[in-house]
Amino acid sequence: MLSSVTSDEPNASASIYQLSVLPVCIHDWTALEDSFVEVRKGDRVICAGVVDSVTADGTILWIQPPSDQRRLYEKSASYTVWVYATLPPTTGTRALPS
C-alpha cells in the first residue's frame, strides 16, 4: 500500500491519501491483449510486460517485455498471469508524531 502524508506544521493533523494496488490472477487470458501483466510460475515472477497477442482459445499469450524480445507462455505449463488492480484512494486524518 502506498501512502503520503502532507502537513504545513510539524504537529498538525494531516490528510492521508492511500492508494492500494493489489495483484489479481487472471484466468481468462483472451481479454488481456495490450495489458501490462506479470507472468508467474508458482510464486516467482518470470516476466513482466505488455501482452502482444493471445490465441483465440486463451491458452497461449505473447509478452513484450520493455527491453527484450517477445516471449511465449502456455497456460498448460502452469504459468499464471497477474494484473494490478487499483482501488480508489481513501482519506482520513491522524495526528503526526511529535
N, C-alpha and C. Protein backbone atom coordinates (compact mmCIF):
# COMPACT_ATOMS: atom_id res chain seq x y z
N MET A 1 0.84 -1.16 0.00
CA MET A 1 0.00 0.00 0.00
C MET A 1 0.89 1.23 0.00
N LEU A 2 0.59 2.18 -0.91
CA LEU A 2 1.34 3.41 -0.98
C LEU A 2 0.58 4.49 -0.23
N SER A 3 1.29 5.32 0.50
CA SER A 3 0.60 6.42 1.18
C SER A 3 1.52 7.62 1.26
N SER A 4 0.91 8.80 1.35
CA SER A 4 1.68 10.01 1.56
C SER A 4 0.97 10.86 2.59
N VAL A 5 1.74 11.57 3.36
CA VAL A 5 1.20 12.42 4.40
C VAL A 5 1.64 13.84 4.11
N THR A 6 0.70 14.79 4.15
CA THR A 6 1.05 16.19 3.92
C THR A 6 0.61 17.03 5.09
N SER A 7 1.42 18.02 5.45
CA SER A 7 1.08 18.91 6.55
C SER A 7 1.90 20.18 6.43
N ASP A 8 1.30 21.32 6.87
CA ASP A 8 2.03 22.59 6.88
C ASP A 8 2.82 22.76 8.16
N GLU A 9 2.38 22.15 9.25
CA GLU A 9 3.04 22.30 10.53
C GLU A 9 3.43 20.94 11.07
N PRO A 10 4.55 20.84 11.79
CA PRO A 10 5.06 19.55 12.25
C PRO A 10 4.08 18.74 13.10
N ASN A 11 3.28 19.37 13.96
CA ASN A 11 2.39 18.61 14.85
C ASN A 11 0.92 18.74 14.49
N ALA A 12 0.63 19.21 13.30
CA ALA A 12 -0.76 19.40 12.88
C ALA A 12 -1.35 18.08 12.40
N SER A 13 -2.68 18.04 12.36
CA SER A 13 -3.34 16.87 11.76
C SER A 13 -3.01 16.87 10.28
N ALA A 14 -2.92 15.70 9.69
CA ALA A 14 -2.55 15.59 8.28
C ALA A 14 -3.60 14.80 7.53
N SER A 15 -3.74 15.11 6.27
CA SER A 15 -4.58 14.30 5.41
C SER A 15 -3.76 13.13 4.92
N ILE A 16 -4.35 11.98 4.88
CA ILE A 16 -3.66 10.78 4.42
C ILE A 16 -4.37 10.30 3.16
N TYR A 17 -3.62 10.17 2.10
CA TYR A 17 -4.18 9.67 0.84
C TYR A 17 -3.52 8.32 0.59
N GLN A 18 -4.33 7.30 0.49
CA GLN A 18 -3.78 5.96 0.30
C GLN A 18 -4.26 5.40 -1.02
N LEU A 19 -3.35 4.79 -1.74
CA LEU A 19 -3.67 4.12 -2.99
C LEU A 19 -3.28 2.67 -2.83
N SER A 20 -4.25 1.79 -2.88
CA SER A 20 -3.98 0.36 -2.72
C SER A 20 -3.87 -0.28 -4.09
N VAL A 21 -2.82 -1.02 -4.29
CA VAL A 21 -2.61 -1.71 -5.55
C VAL A 21 -2.46 -3.19 -5.22
N LEU A 22 -3.38 -3.98 -5.74
CA LEU A 22 -3.40 -5.40 -5.42
C LEU A 22 -3.20 -6.25 -6.67
N PRO A 23 -2.35 -7.28 -6.61
CA PRO A 23 -2.23 -8.18 -7.76
C PRO A 23 -3.45 -9.09 -7.85
N VAL A 24 -3.92 -9.29 -9.08
CA VAL A 24 -5.08 -10.15 -9.32
C VAL A 24 -4.71 -11.17 -10.39
N CYS A 25 -4.93 -12.45 -10.09
CA CYS A 25 -4.66 -13.52 -11.06
C CYS A 25 -5.81 -13.56 -12.07
N ILE A 26 -5.47 -13.54 -13.35
CA ILE A 26 -6.46 -13.55 -14.42
C ILE A 26 -6.48 -14.95 -15.04
N HIS A 27 -7.64 -15.58 -14.97
CA HIS A 27 -7.77 -16.94 -15.51
C HIS A 27 -8.14 -16.96 -16.98
N ASP A 28 -8.87 -15.96 -17.44
CA ASP A 28 -9.27 -15.86 -18.85
C ASP A 28 -8.30 -14.92 -19.56
N TRP A 29 -7.36 -15.48 -20.29
CA TRP A 29 -6.33 -14.69 -20.93
C TRP A 29 -6.81 -13.99 -22.20
N THR A 30 -7.98 -14.33 -22.71
CA THR A 30 -8.42 -13.80 -24.01
C THR A 30 -8.60 -12.29 -24.03
N ALA A 31 -8.85 -11.66 -22.91
CA ALA A 31 -9.10 -10.21 -22.87
C ALA A 31 -7.88 -9.41 -22.45
N LEU A 32 -6.69 -10.00 -22.45
CA LEU A 32 -5.51 -9.33 -21.91
C LEU A 32 -4.66 -8.59 -22.95
N GLU A 33 -4.98 -8.69 -24.22
CA GLU A 33 -4.16 -8.05 -25.23
C GLU A 33 -4.00 -6.56 -24.93
N ASP A 34 -2.78 -6.05 -25.03
CA ASP A 34 -2.39 -4.66 -24.76
C ASP A 34 -2.37 -4.30 -23.27
N SER A 35 -2.52 -5.27 -22.39
CA SER A 35 -2.46 -5.02 -20.94
C SER A 35 -1.04 -5.26 -20.43
N PHE A 36 -0.65 -4.51 -19.40
CA PHE A 36 0.63 -4.76 -18.73
C PHE A 36 0.39 -5.83 -17.67
N VAL A 37 1.16 -6.92 -17.72
CA VAL A 37 0.94 -8.07 -16.83
C VAL A 37 2.26 -8.59 -16.28
N GLU A 38 2.14 -9.44 -15.27
CA GLU A 38 3.26 -10.25 -14.79
C GLU A 38 2.92 -11.70 -15.09
N VAL A 39 3.91 -12.45 -15.55
CA VAL A 39 3.75 -13.89 -15.72
C VAL A 39 4.48 -14.53 -14.56
N ARG A 40 3.79 -15.44 -13.87
CA ARG A 40 4.38 -16.11 -12.71
C ARG A 40 4.32 -17.61 -12.88
N LYS A 41 5.27 -18.26 -12.22
CA LYS A 41 5.25 -19.72 -12.10
C LYS A 41 5.41 -19.97 -10.60
N GLY A 42 4.34 -20.50 -10.00
CA GLY A 42 4.32 -20.59 -8.55
C GLY A 42 4.27 -19.18 -7.99
N ASP A 43 5.17 -18.87 -7.07
CA ASP A 43 5.18 -17.51 -6.51
C ASP A 43 6.31 -16.65 -7.07
N ARG A 44 6.95 -17.11 -8.14
CA ARG A 44 8.05 -16.36 -8.78
C ARG A 44 7.56 -15.60 -10.00
N VAL A 45 7.95 -14.33 -10.10
CA VAL A 45 7.67 -13.56 -11.30
C VAL A 45 8.71 -13.96 -12.35
N ILE A 46 8.22 -14.45 -13.49
CA ILE A 46 9.10 -14.90 -14.57
C ILE A 46 9.36 -13.78 -15.57
N CYS A 47 8.32 -12.98 -15.83
CA CYS A 47 8.41 -11.94 -16.85
C CYS A 47 7.33 -10.90 -16.59
N ALA A 48 7.59 -9.67 -16.98
CA ALA A 48 6.57 -8.61 -16.93
C ALA A 48 6.65 -7.82 -18.22
N GLY A 49 5.49 -7.45 -18.74
CA GLY A 49 5.46 -6.68 -19.98
C GLY A 49 4.05 -6.56 -20.51
N VAL A 50 3.95 -6.07 -21.73
CA VAL A 50 2.66 -5.87 -22.37
C VAL A 50 2.30 -7.11 -23.18
N VAL A 51 1.05 -7.55 -23.05
CA VAL A 51 0.57 -8.70 -23.82
C VAL A 51 0.45 -8.27 -25.28
N ASP A 52 1.25 -8.90 -26.14
CA ASP A 52 1.29 -8.57 -27.55
C ASP A 52 0.19 -9.28 -28.33
N SER A 53 -0.08 -10.53 -27.94
CA SER A 53 -1.07 -11.33 -28.66
C SER A 53 -1.52 -12.49 -27.78
N VAL A 54 -2.74 -12.96 -28.03
CA VAL A 54 -3.31 -14.10 -27.31
C VAL A 54 -4.02 -14.98 -28.32
N THR A 55 -3.90 -16.30 -28.17
CA THR A 55 -4.65 -17.19 -29.05
C THR A 55 -6.14 -17.06 -28.76
N ALA A 56 -6.97 -17.41 -29.74
CA ALA A 56 -8.43 -17.28 -29.62
C ALA A 56 -8.98 -18.06 -28.43
N ASP A 57 -8.36 -19.21 -28.13
CA ASP A 57 -8.85 -20.02 -27.00
C ASP A 57 -8.23 -19.60 -25.66
N GLY A 58 -7.31 -18.62 -25.68
CA GLY A 58 -6.73 -18.09 -24.45
C GLY A 58 -5.76 -19.01 -23.75
N THR A 59 -5.17 -19.95 -24.44
CA THR A 59 -4.24 -20.88 -23.80
C THR A 59 -2.77 -20.49 -23.99
N ILE A 60 -2.50 -19.56 -24.91
CA ILE A 60 -1.13 -19.10 -25.18
C ILE A 60 -1.16 -17.59 -25.32
N LEU A 61 -0.15 -16.93 -24.74
CA LEU A 61 -0.01 -15.50 -24.96
C LEU A 61 1.44 -15.15 -25.18
N TRP A 62 1.65 -14.00 -25.81
CA TRP A 62 2.98 -13.47 -26.08
C TRP A 62 3.12 -12.17 -25.31
N ILE A 63 4.22 -12.05 -24.57
CA ILE A 63 4.52 -10.86 -23.78
C ILE A 63 5.68 -10.12 -24.43
N GLN A 64 5.55 -8.80 -24.50
CA GLN A 64 6.65 -7.95 -24.96
C GLN A 64 7.22 -7.23 -23.74
N PRO A 65 8.34 -7.77 -23.18
CA PRO A 65 8.97 -7.06 -22.06
C PRO A 65 9.54 -5.72 -22.54
N PRO A 66 9.72 -4.76 -21.64
CA PRO A 66 10.18 -3.42 -22.03
C PRO A 66 11.49 -3.40 -22.82
N SER A 67 12.43 -4.25 -22.48
CA SER A 67 13.73 -4.16 -23.17
C SER A 67 14.23 -5.53 -23.63
N ASP A 68 13.33 -6.33 -24.17
CA ASP A 68 13.72 -7.67 -24.60
C ASP A 68 12.82 -8.10 -25.74
N GLN A 69 13.12 -9.28 -26.31
CA GLN A 69 12.27 -9.84 -27.37
C GLN A 69 11.01 -10.41 -26.75
N ARG A 70 9.96 -10.50 -27.56
CA ARG A 70 8.71 -11.04 -27.02
C ARG A 70 8.85 -12.51 -26.69
N ARG A 71 8.06 -12.96 -25.72
CA ARG A 71 8.15 -14.32 -25.20
C ARG A 71 6.77 -14.98 -25.21
N LEU A 72 6.76 -16.28 -25.42
CA LEU A 72 5.53 -17.06 -25.46
C LEU A 72 5.36 -17.81 -24.15
N TYR A 73 4.12 -17.82 -23.63
CA TYR A 73 3.80 -18.56 -22.40
C TYR A 73 2.53 -19.36 -22.63
N GLU A 74 2.56 -20.61 -22.16
CA GLU A 74 1.40 -21.50 -22.29
C GLU A 74 0.79 -21.78 -20.94
N LYS A 75 -0.53 -21.70 -20.89
CA LYS A 75 -1.25 -21.99 -19.65
C LYS A 75 -0.98 -23.42 -19.18
N SER A 76 -0.86 -24.35 -20.12
CA SER A 76 -0.65 -25.76 -19.79
C SER A 76 0.69 -26.02 -19.10
N ALA A 77 1.61 -25.05 -19.16
CA ALA A 77 2.92 -25.18 -18.49
C ALA A 77 2.89 -24.59 -17.09
N SER A 78 1.69 -24.38 -16.54
CA SER A 78 1.48 -23.89 -15.18
C SER A 78 1.88 -22.44 -14.96
N TYR A 79 1.87 -21.63 -16.02
CA TYR A 79 2.09 -20.19 -15.86
C TYR A 79 0.77 -19.54 -15.46
N THR A 80 0.87 -18.50 -14.63
CA THR A 80 -0.30 -17.69 -14.30
C THR A 80 0.00 -16.25 -14.70
N VAL A 81 -1.05 -15.51 -14.98
CA VAL A 81 -0.89 -14.13 -15.42
C VAL A 81 -1.60 -13.23 -14.41
N TRP A 82 -0.90 -12.18 -14.00
CA TRP A 82 -1.38 -11.28 -12.96
C TRP A 82 -1.41 -9.85 -13.47
N VAL A 83 -2.46 -9.12 -13.10
CA VAL A 83 -2.54 -7.68 -13.36
C VAL A 83 -2.68 -6.99 -12.01
N TYR A 84 -2.42 -5.70 -11.98
CA TYR A 84 -2.56 -4.95 -10.74
C TYR A 84 -3.83 -4.10 -10.80
N ALA A 85 -4.73 -4.36 -9.87
CA ALA A 85 -5.98 -3.61 -9.77
C ALA A 85 -5.79 -2.49 -8.77
N THR A 86 -6.15 -1.28 -9.16
CA THR A 86 -6.01 -0.13 -8.28
C THR A 86 -7.34 0.16 -7.62
N LEU A 87 -7.32 0.26 -6.30
CA LEU A 87 -8.51 0.61 -5.55
C LEU A 87 -8.54 2.13 -5.38
N PRO A 88 -9.72 2.73 -5.28
CA PRO A 88 -9.79 4.18 -5.13
C PRO A 88 -9.13 4.64 -3.83
N PRO A 89 -8.56 5.86 -3.84
CA PRO A 89 -7.93 6.38 -2.62
C PRO A 89 -8.95 6.55 -1.50
N THR A 90 -8.46 6.39 -0.28
CA THR A 90 -9.29 6.66 0.89
C THR A 90 -8.69 7.86 1.60
N THR A 91 -9.50 8.60 2.29
CA THR A 91 -8.98 9.76 3.01
C THR A 91 -9.33 9.65 4.48
N GLY A 92 -8.55 10.27 5.29
CA GLY A 92 -8.76 10.28 6.73
C GLY A 92 -7.80 11.27 7.35
N THR A 93 -7.83 11.40 8.64
CA THR A 93 -6.88 12.28 9.31
C THR A 93 -6.27 11.55 10.48
N ARG A 94 -5.11 11.97 10.84
CA ARG A 94 -4.44 11.46 12.03
C ARG A 94 -3.44 12.49 12.48
N ALA A 95 -3.06 12.43 13.72
CA ALA A 95 -2.06 13.35 14.25
C ALA A 95 -0.68 12.85 13.89
N LEU A 96 0.16 13.75 13.48
CA LEU A 96 1.55 13.39 13.19
C LEU A 96 2.31 13.22 14.49
N PRO A 97 3.29 12.32 14.56
CA PRO A 97 4.06 12.13 15.79
C PRO A 97 4.82 13.41 16.15
N SER A 98 4.99 13.63 17.46
CA SER A 98 5.73 14.82 17.95
C SER A 98 7.21 14.66 17.76
